[in-house]
Amino acid sequence: MDKKKNYLALKKLAQSLGIELFGVGDIKALKNDFNLSEKILNKIDKAVSLGLRLSPGILSDIENSPTRLYFHHYKTANALLDQLTFRVSNYIQQKGFLTVSIPASQIVDWQKQTAHLSHKKIGVLAGLGWIGRNNLLINKKIGSQFRLSTILTDMPLQIDKPLKEDCGNCSICVKICPAGAIKDRPEDFDHIKCFEKLKEFQKLRFVDQYICGVCVNVCKGKK
């Protein structure tokens, strides 16, 4: 089958549903990191990465801690993205191919903060952006202001290439992080400090799950 034709048809469908970011990555080298059964891993070789943009207006109200409005928006965005992902996945299935949809926000181990796979690593492979100082996927146009989901599949698809970009001289997230978890080098990101601050926000009842949004608000992409 025509890989490019399949790719363009899938991208058109995703964009018609309101998906802003779309890319396809080759995941052969990453499959060992997935928390999935061998039965699934043996059948898939690529991943479709989908990104739904968050509201800049709601994010703009975040200063030193998450807001109740952002918490609701975050949950709504994840739920909507899961539904849209299901529709894209169903299209692939109707074409006769295997799909495994990975939810936007489903934690397998809360203490280790791990999921079935890393959406942001898939996003890097799919050419949607790079891992920034804030330990999130950064898209050139909209920064970190989006949520991600993934569809694993064996459908013949054109593969996107990872970008050769980074945050450059931008370090606004380093200065504003309420936990002091973000460092000048992305690899020095302090996961423990970040998670402790998330637990603090949850304990104070700012939000009802482990989210922040402070660095997401200030990360708006390259101008």
Protein backbone atom coordinates (compact mmCIF):
# COMPACT_ATOMS: atom_id res chain seq x y z
CA MET A 1 0.00 0.00 0.00
CA ASP A 2 0.97 3.63 -0.53
CA LYS A 3 2.59 4.80 2.73
CA LYS A 4 2.36 8.48 1.82
CA LYS A 5 -1.28 8.19 0.78
CA ASN A 6 -2.14 6.48 4.07
CA TYR A 7 -0.22 9.11 6.01
CA LEU A 8 -1.95 12.05 4.33
CA ALA A 9 -5.41 10.49 4.73
CA LEU A 10 -4.80 9.86 8.42
CA LYS A 11 -3.42 13.35 8.99
CA LYS A 12 -6.39 14.91 7.20
CA LEU A 13 -8.80 12.96 9.39
CA ALA A 14 -6.97 13.92 12.58
CA GLN A 15 -6.89 17.60 11.66
CA SER A 16 -10.58 17.57 10.73
CA LEU A 17 -11.29 16.36 14.27
CA GLY A 18 -9.38 19.25 15.82
CA ILE A 19 -6.02 17.55 16.37
CA GLU A 20 -3.31 20.20 15.97
CA LEU A 21 -0.18 18.05 16.06
CA PHE A 22 0.27 14.91 13.96
CA GLY A 23 3.31 12.79 13.28
CA VAL A 24 4.42 9.20 12.77
CA GLY A 25 7.51 7.64 14.31
CA ASP A 26 9.43 4.40 13.88
CA ILE A 27 9.43 2.80 17.35
CA LYS A 28 11.56 -0.30 16.81
CA ALA A 29 14.39 1.07 18.96
CA LEU A 30 12.02 2.24 21.70
CA LYS A 31 9.79 -0.80 22.22
CA ASN A 32 11.87 -2.20 25.08
CA ASP A 33 10.81 0.82 27.14
CA PHE A 34 7.10 0.10 26.71
CA ASN A 35 5.04 -1.39 29.53
CA LEU A 36 3.10 -3.65 27.15
CA SER A 37 2.83 -7.37 26.48
CA GLU A 38 5.08 -9.19 24.02
CA LYS A 39 1.93 -10.14 22.13
CA ILE A 40 1.38 -6.48 21.30
CA LEU A 41 5.02 -5.50 20.87
CA ASN A 42 5.65 -8.22 18.30
CA LYS A 43 2.91 -6.91 16.03
CA ILE A 44 3.54 -3.15 15.89
CA ASP A 45 6.43 -1.16 14.44
CA LYS A 46 5.31 2.46 14.35
CA ALA A 47 3.37 5.00 16.36
CA VAL A 48 1.04 7.84 15.43
CA SER A 49 1.50 10.79 17.78
CA LEU A 50 -1.47 13.13 18.23
CA GLY A 51 -1.46 16.49 20.02
CA LEU A 52 -4.46 18.53 21.18
CA ARG A 53 -3.77 22.16 22.02
CA LEU A 54 -4.62 23.54 25.45
CA SER A 55 -6.28 26.93 26.01
CA PRO A 56 -3.74 29.77 26.29
CA GLY A 57 -6.44 31.78 28.06
CA ILE A 58 -6.87 29.25 30.88
CA LEU A 59 -3.13 28.70 31.13
CA SER A 60 -2.48 32.44 31.41
CA ASP A 61 -4.17 32.52 34.82
CA ILE A 62 -1.56 30.15 36.27
CA GLU A 63 1.18 31.88 38.27
CA ASN A 64 2.86 29.95 41.09
CA SER A 65 0.40 27.06 41.32
CA PRO A 66 -2.30 25.32 39.26
CA THR A 67 -5.86 26.66 39.27
CA ARG A 68 -9.13 24.76 39.64
CA LEU A 69 -10.08 25.93 36.16
CA TYR A 70 -6.87 24.50 34.71
CA PHE A 71 -7.50 21.22 36.52
CA HIS A 72 -10.93 20.90 34.87
CA HIS A 73 -9.53 21.94 31.50
CA TYR A 74 -6.70 19.40 31.81
CA LYS A 75 -9.15 16.58 32.51
CA THR A 76 -11.49 17.68 29.72
CA ALA A 77 -8.64 17.90 27.20
CA ASN A 78 -7.41 14.42 28.09
CA ALA A 79 -10.90 12.94 27.81
CA LEU A 80 -11.55 14.63 24.47
CA LEU A 81 -8.15 13.60 23.12
CA ASP A 82 -8.85 9.98 24.09
CA GLN A 83 -12.14 10.11 22.19
CA LEU A 84 -10.54 11.65 19.10
CA THR A 85 -7.72 9.10 19.28
CA PHE A 86 -10.33 6.34 19.36
CA ARG A 87 -11.88 7.71 16.17
CA VAL A 88 -8.53 7.87 14.36
CA SER A 89 -7.72 4.38 15.62
CA ASN A 90 -11.08 3.10 14.41
CA TYR A 91 -10.35 4.45 10.94
CA ILE A 92 -7.11 2.46 10.86
CA GLN A 93 -8.93 -0.67 12.01
CA GLN A 94 -11.53 -0.26 9.29
CA LYS A 95 -8.69 -0.32 6.78
CA GLY A 96 -7.73 -3.74 8.13
CA PHE A 97 -4.76 -2.90 10.34
CA LEU A 98 -3.92 -3.43 13.99
CA THR A 99 -4.16 -0.52 16.43
CA VAL A 100 -3.44 -0.10 20.13
CA SER A 101 -4.52 3.27 21.52
CA ILE A 102 -2.61 4.60 24.54
CA PRO A 103 -4.61 7.12 26.63
CA ALA A 104 -3.42 10.69 27.06
CA SER A 105 -2.99 10.38 30.81
CA GLN A 106 -3.04 6.92 32.35
CA ILE A 107 -0.44 6.25 35.03
CA VAL A 108 0.57 2.63 35.67
CA ASP A 109 2.78 3.37 38.69
CA TRP A 110 2.04 6.60 40.58
CA GLN A 111 5.17 6.52 42.73
CA LYS A 112 7.44 6.08 39.72
CA GLN A 113 5.17 8.23 37.55
CA THR A 114 5.30 5.73 34.70
CA ALA A 115 2.74 4.89 32.03
CA HIS A 116 2.42 2.28 29.27
CA LEU A 117 4.86 4.38 27.25
CA SER A 118 6.25 7.88 27.04
CA HIS A 119 4.09 10.03 24.75
CA LYS A 120 6.78 12.70 24.66
CA LYS A 121 9.44 10.25 23.44
CA ILE A 122 7.04 9.13 20.73
CA GLY A 123 6.46 12.78 19.87
CA VAL A 124 10.21 13.30 19.43
CA LEU A 125 10.44 10.31 17.07
CA ALA A 126 7.41 11.63 15.16
CA GLY A 127 9.06 15.00 14.56
CA LEU A 128 6.66 17.02 16.72
CA GLY A 129 9.36 18.62 18.83
CA TRP A 130 12.16 18.07 21.32
CA ILE A 131 12.48 17.43 25.06
CA GLY A 132 13.02 20.80 26.70
CA ARG A 133 14.49 21.98 29.97
CA ASN A 134 11.08 21.49 31.59
CA ASN A 135 11.21 17.76 30.74
CA LEU A 136 8.23 18.16 28.39
CA LEU A 137 7.91 17.86 24.64
CA ILE A 138 8.36 21.31 23.09
CA ASN A 139 6.72 22.11 19.76
CA LYS A 140 8.22 24.98 17.77
CA LYS A 141 4.86 26.71 17.25
CA ILE A 142 2.95 26.12 20.48
CA GLY A 143 5.61 25.24 23.03
CA SER A 144 4.40 22.78 25.69
CA GLN A 145 0.77 23.90 25.56
CA PHE A 146 -0.79 20.65 24.40
CA ARG A 147 -1.70 17.12 25.48
CA LEU A 148 -0.50 13.98 23.68
CA SER A 149 -1.83 10.53 22.91
CA THR A 150 -0.40 7.64 20.88
CA ILE A 151 -1.70 5.01 18.48
CA LEU A 152 0.52 1.98 17.93
CA THR A 153 -0.07 0.28 14.60
CA ASP A 154 1.23 -1.91 11.80
CA MET A 155 -0.37 0.25 9.10
CA PRO A 156 2.04 1.17 6.28
CA LEU A 157 2.76 4.84 6.90
CA GLN A 158 5.31 7.43 5.89
CA ILE A 159 7.70 8.07 8.79
CA ASP A 160 8.57 11.53 10.08
CA LYS A 161 12.09 12.46 11.12
CA PRO A 162 13.07 13.81 14.56
CA LEU A 163 13.89 17.51 14.63
CA LYS A 164 17.39 18.79 15.25
CA GLU A 165 16.33 21.66 17.49
CA ASP A 166 16.37 22.59 21.17
CA CYS A 167 15.32 25.41 23.48
CA GLY A 168 18.31 27.52 22.54
CA ASN A 169 18.78 30.48 24.88
CA CYS A 170 15.25 30.32 26.31
CA SER A 171 15.30 29.52 30.03
CA ILE A 172 12.10 31.16 31.26
CA CYS A 173 10.88 27.86 32.72
CA VAL A 174 14.06 27.55 34.82
CA LYS A 175 13.37 30.85 36.55
CA ILE A 176 9.67 30.30 37.15
CA CYS A 177 9.55 26.64 38.31
CA PRO A 178 8.03 26.65 41.84
CA ALA A 179 9.90 23.45 42.73
CA GLY A 180 13.32 24.48 41.44
CA ALA A 181 13.27 21.24 39.46
CA ILE A 182 14.15 22.70 36.06
CA LYS A 183 17.83 23.18 35.33
CA ASP A 184 19.85 24.68 32.49
CA ARG A 185 20.50 21.23 31.04
CA PRO A 186 17.41 19.12 30.20
CA GLU A 187 19.17 15.98 31.46
CA ASP A 188 19.52 17.56 34.92
CA PHE A 189 15.76 17.91 35.46
CA ASP A 190 14.97 16.94 39.06
CA HIS A 191 12.05 14.50 38.87
CA ILE A 192 11.85 14.10 42.65
CA LYS A 193 11.55 17.84 43.36
CA CYS A 194 8.90 18.14 40.66
CA PHE A 195 6.85 15.24 42.02
CA GLU A 196 7.10 16.50 45.61
CA LYS A 197 5.70 19.86 44.51
CA LEU A 198 2.87 18.13 42.64
CA LYS A 199 1.99 16.21 45.81
CA GLU A 200 2.04 19.48 47.75
CA PHE A 201 -0.41 21.10 45.31
CA GLN A 202 -2.69 18.08 45.58
CA LYS A 203 -2.51 18.03 49.38
CA LEU A 204 -3.40 21.73 49.54
CA ARG A 205 -6.44 20.90 47.36
CA PHE A 206 -5.43 23.29 44.58
CA VAL A 207 -6.13 20.35 42.27
CA ASP A 208 -7.22 16.74 42.76
CA GLN A 209 -4.38 15.05 40.93
CA TYR A 210 -0.67 15.54 40.34
CA ILE A 211 -0.50 18.46 37.90
CA CYS A 212 1.09 21.91 37.93
CA GLY A 213 1.02 23.88 34.67
CA VAL A 214 3.36 26.70 35.71
CA CYS A 215 6.05 25.88 33.14
CA VAL A 216 3.43 24.93 30.54
CA ASN A 217 1.97 28.44 30.77
CA VAL A 218 5.26 30.19 30.01
CA CYS A 219 6.41 27.75 27.30
CA LYS A 220 4.76 29.18 24.18
CA GLY A 221 7.17 28.12 21.42
CA LYS A 222 9.64 30.02 19.33
CA LYS A 223 8.52 33.35 17.91
